Amino acid sequence: MSDLTPQQIVAELDRYIIGQHRAKKAVAVALRNRQRRRSLSPELREEIRPKNILMIGPTGVGKTEIARRLARLVNAPFIKVEATKFTEVGYIGRDVEAIIKDLVEIAVRMVREEKTAIVRKKAREKAEQRLVRILTGEEKPKKTAGPLELFGVFTGEKPNINYEDQDQEQNQEVKKEEIKERYLRGELENEMVQVEVTESAPVVPGILGQSGLDELGQGLQEFFSMMMPKKVSLRRLAVSEARELLTQQEIERLLDWEEVQREAVLKVEEAGIVFIDEIDKIVGSKGENNLDVSREGVQRDILPIVEGTTVWTKYGPIKTDFILFIAAGAFHVSKPSELIPEFQGRFPIRVELQSLSIDDFERILVEPESALLRQEKALLESEGLSLNFTSEAIRTMAEMAYQLNKDHENIGARRLYTILEQVLEDISFRANEHKGKTIIVDQDFVKQRLEPILKTTDLSRYIL
C-alpha cells in the first residue's frame, strides 16, 4: 500500500466514507508527499516537514473516520485525542507529551503483532515439540507439586505405563512413540499436563494517584518488575490450552524486543498520525477570564510537539518533526482565525467538510462496505431472520434523519443509529420468534415507527 497514488487513496476512502471529497483529497496529497519525501536525498529530506491539516465541519460528517481509515490504509500508528483532555480543571490536565508516549505504545503493539505473525508458525512448531516431550516425560517441570510421574502429565491419574521395571527401556520407547502418535491424531486434547508459567510482579494501584500512575507510577512499576525475581509456578492445563500457552512462550523467545522497539520508534517518527479533535474548544475569546487564559495555554502547550520537538519515552527519544497532525473542530461558536497565530501557522491546509444531505444519508445506509443496513442484516441473520429494506423505506429514513438534524442538534451520520434502532427495536427484540422468516421493511413500516417521534414536542426524550 506504500505506492498508492492520491487517486487510489481517495478511491479507497470512498469505500468507507461518503462524500467530503476535498478532505479526502487533502489527506491523500499529504500522504503521497510522505512517500515522495522518502525518495529524496537525506539532506533535503530533513528539511521537508509534513503540511498539517485543519478540518472544519460539524460532528458526524466523517472527520475522524477519514483520518482513521487513512492510517489503517498505510498501516501507520494512529491516535485520536481530544484537546479538552488538557483543560479538564482549569490549568490541570494531562501532559501533552502523553500524546506521543501513547502513540509509541500503539506503534510497539503494531510492530509486535507484525513480528508475531511472522514467527507464529515456527513458535507453534516448537510448542508442539515441547508438548510432545512433556507428554512423553522427556521434559519435566523444574517444580513439581507431587510425586515424579512418567509424563508429569495426567492430572490426578496414574499413567497407564508401569515404570517399576526400569530395565524395560525398549518398552518405554515404544510407549513414547504411541503417545506421540496419539497426540498427532488429536486423541490427547483433553488430557491434563503441567506447564511452567512465569508470573510478573503484581501492579500496586493507588500509590501515586491516577495522574501519578500515568507517568511516574508506570516507570516505578516497570522498575520494580525488573528488580523483583520472576515467580515461576506450575499450572495444570488441558493439552489444547497448554499448546496455546507454550506457543506464546515460544513467541516471546523468538521476538527480538530491541528490534521491535527500534522499528516502532522509526514508524512513529516517519509515519505517525495524530488526530486532535475538538480543537475549537480550546479557542479563547478576547476576555481576560481564567478559562480563556487556560485555553490559550493549552494551544501553546500543544504547539511544540506540532512544530517539532523531542519527547522522551521509555523506548527512547521521539522526534515529532515528521509526524502528521490533523486537527478538527466544528467551530460553531468560535472561528479558526481566533486560534493563536503560531498555532494557525502550523496547520496551513484547511478543508471545510459539508453537512450531510438527504442523498448522503441514503448512500451512507447502503453504499459503504460496512454500511449500517448491512450490519443490521448480518446481526439478525445470525438468528436465522432475513431482513429486506425497500428503496422507499431507505429514502424515508434518510429524509427523517436529515429533518431531525435540521430542526434540532446536528449530529451528522450518528442520527442514523437512532433512526435504525427505533425502526428495528421490536424486530430485534423478538428475533428469536421469527426464525426462518423474511421481514420486509417498507415505507409504511418506517413511518409507522418514526412519525410519532417527529410529532412529539419534546424530542429530547427520543433522540440523541
Foldseek 3Di string as FASTA:
>chain_A
DLPDQLVRQLVQVVQAAPDPSVVSSVVSVLSVVLSVLVPDDPVVSVVDAGFAAEEAAFAARQPVVSQVVSCVVVVFQEDEDELCQCCVDQNHHAQLLVLLQVSLVSLLVSLLVVLCVVCLVVLLVVLLVVLLCLQLQVDDDPDQDDDDARRQWAPPDHDPDDCPPVVVVVVSVVVSVVSNVCVVVVNQQFGKHKDKDWDFDDQDPDPVPDSCCSPVVVVVSVVVRVVDDIDIDIDIDGSNVSSVVSSVVSSVVPDDSLVSLVVSLVSCQSPAEYEYEALVVLQADPDDDSSVVSSLVSLVSNLDLLCWDWRQYPSGIHISRHYHYYYYHHCPPHDPVSRPPSSCVSNVHYDYRDADDLVSLLCQQPRHPPHPVVVVQVVLVVLQEGEAEDSQQSSVLSVVLVVCVVVDPNNGNVQSVLLVCQLCVVCVVCSNVQHNYYDYCYNVSSCVRCVVLVPDPPNVVRTD
